[in-house]
Amino acid sequence: MRAVDCVGALIRDEQHRVYVQRRTAERRLYPGIWDIVGGHLEPGETPAQALAREVEEETGWKVRDILWAVADWEWEYEGRVRRELDYLITIDGDLGRPRLEAGKHDASAWVGPDDLELLMVNRYDGDRRLRDLVAHAVRTRFTERLRLEPVTGPNGVLPGHEADLVSLHADPWVAEWYAGAWSPEEATQRTADFQAGWERDSVSKWIAYERAGGALAGRGGLSRMAVGTPVTAAVTELVGTAWAVDRLELGWALAASARGHGFASEIGRAGLEFAFETLAAQAVVAYTERHNTASRAVMERLGMSYAGEITAEGLVEGSDQVQPGAPFALYVTGPEADI
């Protein structure tokens, strides 16, 4: 494998925004574009050493912790290929007062979910890879034991999550509740749908990995239910029109090795925090087949209240065949709930 040439720092604040800075118009490499902190390794440096040096040189801050190696990718400029490692980090320093490196950067900003296109300003080559990398960091959440990444396909920076979704849905328990295992082709389509949800709706599903060791734990999070469907209408009738503004539905699915450890509750709490703190939603629902007592117990642990039953395509107790009018228990919660 090619040696590492460059490192990048994805520095987030408490609102999960990523710090970026604008390269001066006089720079030879990518003049006038918004970029993350980072640069080339000097002779004898490790990536971690280069990361610490670049952060201090470009901002005056100091690296506290390296939380996660987000991306290992290659890019080309003027015929030269460079390998770059990008890290999500925490820093020590005044986040409101970065020290821009004279002659190299002339402005700074914090990029949140609604600011991602800033990374495309002056990007005359149309390359969206850095924009998508920052989007990935902005949308990622950490719980006590899990890293929750937004589901994506391969995009030139990230390898994508199709293989892990195939593995997860091959689990007999998951396959039972989701109408069978997912083929690679189906996982590719579902991945594209999840990724499109992030871009269209500012919210979609995460894939969950254990922070200790990186094992696949499952998937979960939020989605916006479609307007005008019978299920959406039935939910609105039970929980009210305030929910229908955002139409947010919470769910999860766990791998066999991850069940029984409280991970579903961690995913659920992260989803509710995202809904109420990031999206300012008024209500979130979750629903599952009437006899899925395990998921219903999680909903109750999350402080969600039983709102009644709806019918949808799913399983009926005592049968392993999907039915068009299966009974589902519906739960709801608002931002005032103790999660």
Protein backbone atom coordinates (compact mmCIF):
# COMPACT_ATOMS: atom_id res chain seq x y z
CA MET A 1 0.00 0.00 0.00
CA ARG A 2 1.14 3.51 -0.77
CA ALA A 3 2.69 5.41 2.15
CA VAL A 4 0.58 8.09 3.77
CA ASP A 5 1.23 11.53 2.26
CA CYS A 6 -1.36 13.72 3.99
CA VAL A 7 -3.56 13.92 7.04
CA GLY A 8 -6.81 15.79 7.60
CA ALA A 9 -8.55 16.85 10.81
CA LEU A 10 -12.34 16.75 11.11
CA ILE A 11 -12.77 19.00 14.15
CA ARG A 12 -16.33 19.06 15.53
CA ASP A 13 -17.95 21.38 18.04
CA GLU A 14 -20.73 20.50 20.50
CA GLN A 15 -23.33 21.01 17.76
CA HIS A 16 -21.56 18.39 15.59
CA ARG A 17 -20.46 21.05 13.10
CA VAL A 18 -17.09 20.62 11.36
CA TYR A 19 -14.49 23.37 11.25
CA VAL A 20 -13.34 24.47 7.78
CA GLN A 21 -11.13 27.25 6.49
CA ARG A 22 -10.71 28.95 3.14
CA ARG A 23 -7.45 28.64 1.27
CA THR A 24 -6.14 31.98 0.01
CA ALA A 25 -6.46 32.80 -3.66
CA GLU A 26 -2.65 32.78 -3.95
CA ARG A 27 -2.26 29.12 -3.00
CA ARG A 28 -0.91 26.95 -5.80
CA LEU A 29 -2.92 23.89 -4.73
CA TYR A 30 -6.72 24.40 -4.75
CA PRO A 31 -6.78 28.21 -4.36
CA GLY A 32 -9.90 29.80 -2.93
CA ILE A 33 -11.65 26.62 -1.79
CA TRP A 34 -12.90 25.70 1.66
CA ASP A 35 -10.91 22.86 3.21
CA ILE A 36 -10.45 20.98 6.46
CA VAL A 37 -7.33 21.39 8.57
CA GLY A 38 -4.43 19.23 7.44
CA GLY A 39 -1.40 18.87 5.26
CA HIS A 40 1.56 16.76 4.23
CA LEU A 41 3.66 14.60 6.51
CA GLU A 42 7.19 15.80 7.09
CA PRO A 43 10.10 13.32 6.89
CA GLY A 44 10.04 10.92 9.83
CA GLU A 45 6.59 11.92 11.06
CA THR A 46 3.80 9.50 11.87
CA PRO A 47 0.27 10.47 10.79
CA ALA A 48 -0.63 11.28 14.41
CA GLN A 49 2.40 13.54 14.79
CA ALA A 50 1.62 15.31 11.52
CA LEU A 51 -1.99 15.75 12.61
CA ALA A 52 -0.96 17.39 15.89
CA ARG A 53 1.51 19.70 14.14
CA GLU A 54 -0.89 20.76 11.38
CA VAL A 55 -3.72 21.48 13.83
CA GLU A 56 -1.51 23.70 15.97
CA GLU A 57 0.08 25.46 12.98
CA GLU A 58 -3.22 26.20 11.25
CA THR A 59 -5.50 26.98 14.21
CA GLY A 60 -3.46 27.36 17.41
CA TRP A 61 -5.44 24.51 18.94
CA LYS A 62 -4.01 21.27 20.32
CA VAL A 63 -5.25 17.73 19.60
CA ARG A 64 -6.81 16.18 22.68
CA ASP A 65 -8.08 12.83 21.36
CA ILE A 66 -8.23 11.04 18.03
CA LEU A 67 -11.70 9.52 18.10
CA TRP A 68 -11.82 7.71 14.79
CA ALA A 69 -9.94 7.29 11.52
CA VAL A 70 -12.83 8.27 9.23
CA ALA A 71 -11.27 7.85 5.78
CA ASP A 72 -8.23 6.42 4.03
CA TRP A 73 -8.32 7.55 0.40
CA GLU A 74 -6.27 8.73 -2.53
CA TRP A 75 -6.55 11.83 -4.69
CA GLU A 76 -4.65 13.19 -7.65
CA TYR A 77 -3.50 16.69 -8.50
CA GLU A 78 -1.35 17.62 -11.49
CA GLY A 79 -0.51 13.99 -12.13
CA ARG A 80 0.59 13.16 -8.58
CA VAL A 81 -1.40 10.71 -6.45
CA ARG A 82 -1.53 11.32 -2.71
CA ARG A 83 -2.81 9.05 0.04
CA GLU A 84 -4.69 10.85 2.80
CA LEU A 85 -5.90 9.76 6.25
CA ASP A 86 -8.65 11.86 7.83
CA TYR A 87 -9.44 11.74 11.53
CA LEU A 88 -12.32 12.91 13.69
CA ILE A 89 -10.68 14.59 16.66
CA THR A 90 -11.32 16.62 19.77
CA ILE A 91 -9.15 19.61 20.56
CA ASP A 92 -8.11 21.86 23.43
CA GLY A 93 -8.47 25.56 22.75
CA ASP A 94 -11.00 28.32 22.21
CA LEU A 95 -13.24 27.07 19.38
CA GLY A 96 -14.47 30.58 18.80
CA ARG A 97 -11.00 31.97 18.14
CA PRO A 98 -8.97 29.94 15.65
CA ARG A 99 -5.62 31.38 14.62
CA LEU A 100 -5.56 31.35 10.83
CA GLU A 101 -2.16 30.62 9.34
CA ALA A 102 -0.98 33.81 7.64
CA GLY A 103 -0.77 33.61 3.87
CA LYS A 104 -2.49 30.22 3.71
CA HIS A 105 -6.06 30.79 4.95
CA ASP A 106 -8.17 33.93 5.04
CA ALA A 107 -11.52 32.82 6.55
CA SER A 108 -13.02 30.12 8.77
CA ALA A 109 -16.48 28.64 9.32
CA TRP A 110 -18.34 25.89 11.12
CA VAL A 111 -20.27 23.62 8.75
CA GLY A 112 -23.51 22.01 9.88
CA PRO A 113 -26.16 19.99 8.02
CA ASP A 114 -27.43 23.04 6.14
CA ASP A 115 -24.01 24.40 5.18
CA LEU A 116 -22.43 21.47 3.35
CA GLU A 117 -22.48 23.12 -0.07
CA LEU A 118 -19.93 25.63 1.21
CA LEU A 119 -17.39 22.91 0.44
CA MET A 120 -18.32 23.21 -3.25
CA VAL A 121 -17.68 26.96 -3.52
CA ASN A 122 -14.95 27.57 -6.12
CA ARG A 123 -14.75 23.79 -6.75
CA TYR A 124 -14.63 24.19 -10.49
CA ASP A 125 -13.73 20.51 -10.96
CA GLY A 126 -17.08 19.47 -9.38
CA ASP A 127 -15.31 17.04 -7.03
CA ARG A 128 -17.76 16.31 -4.16
CA ARG A 129 -15.52 13.96 -2.17
CA LEU A 130 -14.46 16.46 0.48
CA ARG A 131 -18.03 17.71 0.78
CA ASP A 132 -19.26 14.13 1.29
CA LEU A 133 -16.51 13.44 3.84
CA VAL A 134 -17.53 16.47 5.90
CA ALA A 135 -21.20 15.45 5.57
CA HIS A 136 -20.30 12.01 6.95
CA ALA A 137 -18.61 13.57 9.98
CA VAL A 138 -21.47 16.03 10.58
CA ARG A 139 -24.05 13.24 10.52
CA THR A 140 -22.10 10.71 12.63
CA ARG A 141 -23.02 10.30 16.28
CA PHE A 142 -21.33 8.57 19.19
CA THR A 143 -23.04 6.93 22.12
CA GLU A 144 -21.30 5.51 25.15
CA ARG A 145 -20.48 2.27 23.30
CA LEU A 146 -21.41 2.79 19.65
CA ARG A 147 -20.30 4.76 16.62
CA LEU A 148 -23.31 5.57 14.42
CA GLU A 149 -22.32 6.31 10.82
CA PRO A 150 -24.79 7.56 8.19
CA VAL A 151 -25.36 4.73 5.71
CA THR A 152 -23.61 5.51 2.43
CA GLY A 153 -22.48 3.81 -0.72
CA PRO A 154 -18.90 3.99 -2.04
CA ASN A 155 -18.10 7.57 -3.03
CA GLY A 156 -14.37 7.71 -3.72
CA VAL A 157 -13.57 8.46 -0.09
CA LEU A 158 -15.64 5.96 1.90
CA PRO A 159 -16.00 2.28 0.96
CA GLY A 160 -19.75 2.19 1.64
CA HIS A 161 -21.85 -0.09 3.84
CA GLU A 162 -23.44 -2.58 1.44
CA ALA A 163 -21.44 -5.58 2.64
CA ASP A 164 -22.25 -4.91 6.30
CA LEU A 165 -25.95 -4.57 5.50
CA VAL A 166 -25.88 -7.93 3.70
CA SER A 167 -24.19 -9.46 6.76
CA LEU A 168 -26.66 -7.89 9.19
CA HIS A 169 -29.76 -8.97 7.26
CA ALA A 170 -28.43 -12.51 6.88
CA ASP A 171 -28.92 -12.89 10.63
CA PRO A 172 -31.99 -15.15 11.07
CA TRP A 173 -33.61 -12.89 13.68
CA VAL A 174 -33.20 -9.77 11.53
CA ALA A 175 -34.30 -11.62 8.39
CA GLU A 176 -37.47 -12.81 10.15
CA TRP A 177 -38.65 -9.29 10.95
CA TYR A 178 -37.55 -7.75 7.65
CA ALA A 179 -39.13 -10.24 5.22
CA GLY A 180 -35.98 -12.21 4.52
CA ALA A 181 -32.28 -11.69 3.97
CA TRP A 182 -31.00 -8.96 1.66
CA SER A 183 -29.12 -9.94 -1.48
CA PRO A 184 -26.10 -7.81 -2.47
CA GLU A 185 -28.26 -6.17 -5.11
CA GLU A 186 -30.99 -5.33 -2.61
CA ALA A 187 -28.45 -4.03 -0.10
CA THR A 188 -27.02 -1.76 -2.81
CA GLN A 189 -30.48 -0.37 -3.54
CA ARG A 190 -31.35 0.06 0.14
CA THR A 191 -28.00 1.79 0.72
CA ALA A 192 -28.75 4.21 -2.11
CA ASP A 193 -32.19 4.86 -0.63
CA PHE A 194 -30.74 5.54 2.83
CA GLN A 195 -28.08 7.83 1.40
CA ALA A 196 -30.69 9.69 -0.66
CA GLY A 197 -32.67 10.16 2.53
CA TRP A 198 -29.76 11.94 4.16
CA GLU A 199 -29.44 14.29 1.20
CA ARG A 200 -33.17 14.86 0.66
CA ASP A 201 -34.53 14.77 4.21
CA SER A 202 -31.47 15.69 6.32
CA VAL A 203 -32.02 12.42 8.19
CA SER A 204 -31.88 8.68 7.52
CA LYS A 205 -30.47 5.48 8.95
CA TRP A 206 -27.15 4.93 10.70
CA ILE A 207 -25.08 1.79 10.72
CA ALA A 208 -23.77 0.99 14.19
CA TYR A 209 -20.33 -0.27 15.19
CA GLU A 210 -19.01 -1.02 18.64
CA ARG A 211 -16.49 1.64 19.65
CA ALA A 212 -14.39 -0.98 21.41
CA GLY A 213 -13.09 -3.15 18.58
CA GLY A 214 -15.26 -1.89 15.73
CA ALA A 215 -17.58 -4.91 15.45
CA LEU A 216 -20.80 -4.47 13.47
CA ALA A 217 -23.65 -4.01 15.95
CA GLY A 218 -26.62 -3.21 13.71
CA ARG A 219 -28.39 -0.30 12.11
CA GLY A 220 -31.08 2.16 13.12
CA GLY A 221 -32.13 5.73 13.45
CA LEU A 222 -34.77 7.89 11.83
CA SER A 223 -36.58 8.15 8.53
CA ARG A 224 -39.28 10.46 7.21
CA MET A 225 -42.44 8.55 6.37
CA ALA A 226 -43.90 9.28 2.94
CA VAL A 227 -46.71 11.78 2.56
CA GLY A 228 -50.14 10.49 1.62
CA THR A 229 -49.76 6.77 2.31
CA PRO A 230 -52.36 4.81 4.28
CA VAL A 231 -49.83 4.06 7.02
CA THR A 232 -48.86 7.72 7.39
CA ALA A 233 -52.54 8.69 7.50
CA ALA A 234 -53.23 6.07 10.17
CA VAL A 235 -50.30 7.26 12.28
CA THR A 236 -51.45 10.88 11.98
CA GLU A 237 -54.95 9.94 13.07
CA LEU A 238 -53.60 8.34 16.25
CA VAL A 239 -50.87 10.81 17.26
CA GLY A 240 -52.00 14.13 15.78
CA THR A 241 -50.99 16.63 13.16
CA ALA A 242 -47.94 17.97 15.03
CA TRP A 243 -46.16 14.71 14.21
CA ALA A 244 -47.19 14.97 10.54
CA VAL A 245 -45.04 18.09 10.04
CA ASP A 246 -41.82 16.02 10.14
CA ARG A 247 -43.22 12.45 9.91
CA LEU A 248 -40.26 10.98 11.78
CA GLU A 249 -40.17 7.24 12.51
CA LEU A 250 -37.55 5.56 14.70
CA GLY A 251 -36.30 2.00 14.29
CA TRP A 252 -33.38 -0.39 14.79
CA ALA A 253 -32.09 -3.87 13.96
CA LEU A 254 -29.26 -5.60 15.81
CA ALA A 255 -26.82 -8.35 14.91
CA ALA A 256 -26.97 -11.52 17.02
CA SER A 257 -23.72 -10.66 18.86
CA ALA A 258 -25.11 -7.25 19.83
CA ARG A 259 -28.48 -8.24 21.25
CA GLY A 260 -29.14 -8.24 24.96
CA HIS A 261 -26.63 -5.47 25.74
CA GLY A 262 -28.85 -2.39 25.59
CA PHE A 263 -27.54 -1.25 22.21
CA ALA A 264 -31.04 -0.76 20.78
CA SER A 265 -31.77 1.73 23.54
CA GLU A 266 -28.53 3.58 22.76
CA ILE A 267 -29.46 3.82 19.07
CA GLY A 268 -32.97 4.90 20.00
CA ARG A 269 -31.79 7.63 22.36
CA ALA A 270 -29.38 8.93 19.73
CA GLY A 271 -32.21 9.02 17.20
CA LEU A 272 -34.49 10.94 19.54
CA GLU A 273 -31.75 13.42 20.39
CA PHE A 274 -31.14 13.95 16.66
CA ALA A 275 -34.85 14.49 16.09
CA PHE A 276 -35.39 16.99 18.87
CA GLU A 277 -32.02 18.76 19.08
CA THR A 278 -30.88 18.80 15.45
CA LEU A 279 -34.20 18.76 13.59
CA ALA A 280 -36.35 20.53 16.23
CA ALA A 281 -39.13 17.99 15.66
CA GLN A 282 -42.32 18.00 17.73
CA ALA A 283 -42.89 14.25 17.87
CA VAL A 284 -41.37 10.91 16.84
CA VAL A 285 -43.12 7.56 16.45
CA ALA A 286 -41.94 3.98 16.45
CA TYR A 287 -43.99 0.93 15.60
CA THR A 288 -43.54 -2.81 15.42
CA GLU A 289 -45.63 -5.94 15.02
CA ARG A 290 -47.91 -6.42 17.99
CA HIS A 291 -46.09 -9.56 19.16
CA ASN A 292 -42.54 -8.13 18.90
CA THR A 293 -42.26 -7.75 22.65
CA ALA A 294 -38.49 -7.09 22.57
CA SER A 295 -38.83 -3.98 20.42
CA ARG A 296 -41.88 -2.80 22.34
CA ALA A 297 -39.87 -3.04 25.55
CA VAL A 298 -37.16 -0.83 24.03
CA MET A 299 -39.76 1.75 23.02
CA GLU A 300 -41.06 1.83 26.57
CA ARG A 301 -37.53 2.14 27.99
CA LEU A 302 -37.07 5.16 25.72
CA GLY A 303 -40.04 6.81 27.40
CA MET A 304 -42.34 6.40 24.41
CA SER A 305 -46.06 6.10 25.06
CA TYR A 306 -48.37 3.53 23.53
CA ALA A 307 -50.73 5.31 21.12
CA GLY A 308 -52.75 2.41 19.71
CA GLU A 309 -52.60 0.05 16.75
CA ILE A 310 -52.29 0.47 13.01
CA THR A 311 -52.24 -2.15 10.28
CA ALA A 312 -49.50 -2.55 7.68
CA GLU A 313 -47.65 -5.24 5.77
CA GLY A 314 -45.86 -7.45 8.27
CA LEU A 315 -45.97 -10.57 10.41
CA VAL A 316 -48.90 -11.99 12.33
CA GLU A 317 -48.16 -13.99 15.46
CA GLY A 318 -47.99 -17.71 14.69
CA SER A 319 -47.16 -17.26 11.00
CA ASP A 320 -43.85 -16.72 9.22
CA GLN A 321 -45.54 -15.31 6.12
CA VAL A 322 -45.83 -11.58 5.52
CA GLN A 323 -49.46 -10.45 5.66
CA PRO A 324 -50.93 -7.27 4.12
CA GLY A 325 -52.86 -6.24 7.25
CA ALA A 326 -50.72 -7.22 10.22
CA PRO A 327 -51.37 -5.42 13.53
CA PHE A 328 -48.65 -3.02 14.66
CA ALA A 329 -48.27 -1.38 18.06
CA LEU A 330 -47.59 2.34 17.70
CA TYR A 331 -45.60 4.44 20.21
CA VAL A 332 -44.96 8.17 20.29
CA THR A 333 -42.85 10.66 22.21
CA GLY A 334 -42.10 14.36 22.21
CA PRO A 335 -39.10 16.54 23.09
CA GLU A 336 -40.18 16.86 26.72
CA ALA A 337 -39.82 13.09 27.37
CA ASP A 338 -37.00 11.86 29.58
CA ILE A 339 -34.78 9.89 27.18
